[in-house]
C-alpha atoms as a PDB file:
ATOM      1  CA  UNK A   1     -25.434  31.607  58.471  1.00  0.00           C
ATOM      2  CA  UNK A   2     -22.183  33.289  59.508  1.00  0.00           C
ATOM      3  CA  UNK A   3     -23.788  34.616  62.756  1.00  0.00           C
ATOM      4  CA  UNK A   4     -24.984  31.121  63.624  1.00  0.00           C
ATOM      5  CA  UNK A   5     -21.471  29.721  63.076  1.00  0.00           C
ATOM      6  CA  UNK A   6     -19.885  32.499  65.106  1.00  0.00           C
ATOM      7  CA  UNK A   7     -22.077  31.447  68.046  1.00  0.00           C
ATOM      8  CA  UNK A   8     -20.980  27.846  67.744  1.00  0.00           C
ATOM      9  CA  UNK A   9     -17.285  28.393  67.116  1.00  0.00           C
ATOM     10  CA  UNK A  10     -14.609  30.350  68.994  1.00  0.00           C
ATOM     11  CA  UNK A  11     -13.561  33.677  67.390  1.00  0.00           C
ATOM     12  CA  UNK A  12     -11.844  33.190  64.021  1.00  0.00           C
ATOM     13  CA  UNK A  13     -12.822  29.565  63.601  1.00  0.00           C
ATOM     14  CA  UNK A  14     -16.204  30.223  62.027  1.00  0.00           C
ATOM     15  CA  UNK A  15     -14.524  31.246  58.713  1.00  0.00           C
ATOM     16  CA  UNK A  16     -12.718  27.974  58.566  1.00  0.00           C
ATOM     17  CA  UNK A  17     -15.960  26.061  59.206  1.00  0.00           C
ATOM     18  CA  UNK A  18     -17.743  27.946  56.464  1.00  0.00           C
ATOM     19  CA  UNK A  19     -14.918  27.294  54.019  1.00  0.00           C
ATOM     20  CA  UNK A  20     -14.878  23.633  54.908  1.00  0.00           C
ATOM     21  CA  UNK A  21     -18.606  23.315  54.316  1.00  0.00           C
ATOM     22  CA  UNK A  22     -19.038  25.467  51.242  1.00  0.00           C
ATOM     23  CA  UNK A  23     -15.560  25.592  49.666  1.00  0.00           C
ATOM     24  CA  UNK A  24     -13.094  28.412  49.423  1.00  0.00           C
ATOM     25  CA  UNK A  25     -14.301  31.803  50.593  1.00  0.00           C
ATOM     26  CA  UNK A  26     -13.481  34.862  48.512  1.00  0.00           C
ATOM     27  CA  UNK A  27     -10.324  36.565  49.752  1.00  0.00           C
ATOM     28  CA  UNK A  28     -10.666  39.835  47.888  1.00  0.00           C
ATOM     29  CA  UNK A  29     -13.707  42.016  47.176  1.00  0.00           C
ATOM     30  CA  UNK A  30     -13.600  44.984  44.795  1.00  0.00           C
ATOM     31  CA  UNK A  31     -16.415  47.458  44.033  1.00  0.00           C
ATOM     32  CA  UNK A  32     -17.217  50.228  41.585  1.00  0.00           C
ATOM     33  CA  UNK A  33     -20.246  52.261  40.592  1.00  0.00           C
ATOM     34  CA  UNK A  34     -21.415  54.927  38.247  1.00  0.00           C
ATOM     35  CA  UNK A  35     -24.574  56.857  37.299  1.00  0.00           C
ATOM     36  CA  UNK A  36     -26.297  55.168  34.327  1.00  0.00           C
ATOM     37  CA  UNK A  37     -29.538  55.831  32.422  1.00  0.00           C
ATOM     38  CA  UNK A  38     -30.354  52.562  30.589  1.00  0.00           C
ATOM     39  CA  UNK A  39     -32.039  53.015  27.167  1.00  0.00           C
ATOM     40  CA  UNK A  40     -35.612  51.997  26.674  1.00  0.00           C
ATOM     41  CA  UNK A  41     -35.600  48.224  26.050  1.00  0.00           C
ATOM     42  CA  UNK A  42     -38.125  46.410  23.839  1.00  0.00           C
ATOM     43  CA  UNK A  43     -39.014  42.887  24.872  1.00  0.00           C
ATOM     44  CA  UNK A  44     -36.056  40.651  24.014  1.00  0.00           C
ATOM     45  CA  UNK A  45     -33.627  43.572  23.788  1.00  0.00           C
ATOM     46  CA  UNK A  46     -30.577  44.166  25.833  1.00  0.00           C
ATOM     47  CA  UNK A  47     -28.130  46.959  26.582  1.00  0.00           C
ATOM     48  CA  UNK A  48     -24.553  46.724  27.863  1.00  0.00           C
ATOM     49  CA  UNK A  49     -22.331  49.137  29.719  1.00  0.00           C
ATOM     50  CA  UNK A  50     -19.093  48.891  31.611  1.00  0.00           C
ATOM     51  CA  UNK A  51     -18.188  49.756  35.176  1.00  0.00           C
ATOM     52  CA  UNK A  52     -14.626  50.375  36.333  1.00  0.00           C
ATOM     53  CA  UNK A  53     -13.749  48.022  39.183  1.00  0.00           C
ATOM     54  CA  UNK A  54     -10.121  48.577  40.009  1.00  0.00           C
ATOM     55  CA  UNK A  55      -8.448  45.216  40.929  1.00  0.00           C
ATOM     56  CA  UNK A  56     -10.758  43.036  38.848  1.00  0.00           C
ATOM     57  CA  UNK A  57      -9.084  40.428  36.634  1.00  0.00           C
ATOM     58  CA  UNK A  58     -10.412  37.910  34.094  1.00  0.00           C
ATOM     59  CA  UNK A  59     -11.793  34.861  35.871  1.00  0.00           C
ATOM     60  CA  UNK A  60     -13.076  36.715  38.891  1.00  0.00           C
ATOM     61  CA  UNK A  61     -16.797  36.356  39.852  1.00  0.00           C
ATOM     62  CA  UNK A  62     -18.782  39.522  39.149  1.00  0.00           C
ATOM     63  CA  UNK A  63     -22.276  40.702  40.101  1.00  0.00           C
ATOM     64  CA  UNK A  64     -24.161  43.920  39.555  1.00  0.00           C
ATOM     65  CA  UNK A  65     -27.021  45.790  41.156  1.00  0.00           C
ATOM     66  CA  UNK A  66     -29.071  48.882  40.201  1.00  0.00           C
ATOM     67  CA  UNK A  67     -30.516  51.421  42.584  1.00  0.00           C
ATOM     68  CA  UNK A  68     -33.977  51.418  41.070  1.00  0.00           C
ATOM     69  CA  UNK A  69     -36.672  48.771  40.608  1.00  0.00           C
ATOM     70  CA  UNK A  70     -35.642  46.744  37.559  1.00  0.00           C
ATOM     71  CA  UNK A  71     -39.327  46.009  36.628  1.00  0.00           C
ATOM     72  CA  UNK A  72     -38.380  42.546  35.529  1.00  0.00           C
ATOM     73  CA  UNK A  73     -35.206  43.318  33.687  1.00  0.00           C
ATOM     74  CA  UNK A  74     -32.430  40.814  34.349  1.00  0.00           C
ATOM     75  CA  UNK A  75     -28.916  42.025  35.178  1.00  0.00           C
ATOM     76  CA  UNK A  76     -25.846  39.954  34.515  1.00  0.00           C
ATOM     77  CA  UNK A  77     -22.160  40.913  35.011  1.00  0.00           C
ATOM     78  CA  UNK A  78     -18.854  39.552  33.928  1.00  0.00           C
ATOM     79  CA  UNK A  79     -15.248  40.717  34.187  1.00  0.00           C
ATOM     80  CA  UNK A  80     -14.511  41.504  30.556  1.00  0.00           C
ATOM     81  CA  UNK A  81     -10.997  42.985  30.959  1.00  0.00           C
ATOM     82  CA  UNK A  82      -8.585  44.098  33.716  1.00  0.00           C
ATOM     83  CA  UNK A  83     -10.451  46.621  35.978  1.00  0.00           C
ATOM     84  CA  UNK A  84     -13.588  46.349  33.855  1.00  0.00           C
ATOM     85  CA  UNK A  85     -16.974  44.713  34.430  1.00  0.00           C
ATOM     86  CA  UNK A  86     -19.461  44.517  31.620  1.00  0.00           C
ATOM     87  CA  UNK A  87     -23.067  44.673  32.816  1.00  0.00           C
ATOM     88  CA  UNK A  88     -25.963  43.554  30.667  1.00  0.00           C
ATOM     89  CA  UNK A  89     -29.616  44.729  31.090  1.00  0.00           C
ATOM     90  CA  UNK A  90     -31.952  42.203  29.395  1.00  0.00           C
ATOM     91  CA  UNK A  91     -35.733  42.633  28.974  1.00  0.00           C
ATOM     92  CA  UNK A  92     -37.586  39.370  28.756  1.00  0.00           C
ATOM     93  CA  UNK A  93     -40.860  40.730  30.216  1.00  0.00           C
ATOM     94  CA  UNK A  94     -43.025  40.913  27.104  1.00  0.00           C
ATOM     95  CA  UNK A  95     -43.289  44.719  27.159  1.00  0.00           C
ATOM     96  CA  UNK A  96     -41.099  47.741  26.630  1.00  0.00           C
ATOM     97  CA  UNK A  97     -39.360  49.040  29.808  1.00  0.00           C
ATOM     98  CA  UNK A  98     -37.639  52.405  30.185  1.00  0.00           C
ATOM     99  CA  UNK A  99     -35.769  52.669  33.461  1.00  0.00           C
ATOM    100  CA  UNK A 100     -34.831  56.083  34.836  1.00  0.00           C
ATOM    101  CA  UNK A 101     -31.225  57.040  35.585  1.00  0.00           C
ATOM    102  CA  UNK A 102     -29.831  55.442  38.710  1.00  0.00           C
ATOM    103  CA  UNK A 103     -26.644  54.088  40.310  1.00  0.00           C
ATOM    104  CA  UNK A 104     -25.168  50.961  38.730  1.00  0.00           C
ATOM    105  CA  UNK A 105     -22.867  49.081  41.071  1.00  0.00           C
ATOM    106  CA  UNK A 106     -20.586  46.162  40.361  1.00  0.00           C
ATOM    107  CA  UNK A 107     -18.732  43.877  42.783  1.00  0.00           C
ATOM    108  CA  UNK A 108     -16.005  41.425  42.008  1.00  0.00           C
ATOM    109  CA  UNK A 109     -14.799  38.566  44.182  1.00  0.00           C
ATOM    110  CA  UNK A 110     -11.676  36.541  43.872  1.00  0.00           C
END
């Protein structure tokens, strides 16, 4: 979408057009990551961990990703304290899943 708007608008004006169409664009983006080995999760179970994201504050939008195939596990993320994102791994697949160790990344937008 941004590339299309860049072609239609002079340099710098495409951001204003996106903001006008979709609302306010994030002005700050913070990231953090760590190595994490999620525990084996039975169906319906969940596990939580935290990722340090310097600059994050309560009320910011957070999202998370994992470097390995999640095999149906659902990730969610929330800013739970200053500089801290809590990430939840939830297994609703109907079977036990044991993910290997990988890189857990969290991003925060404000």
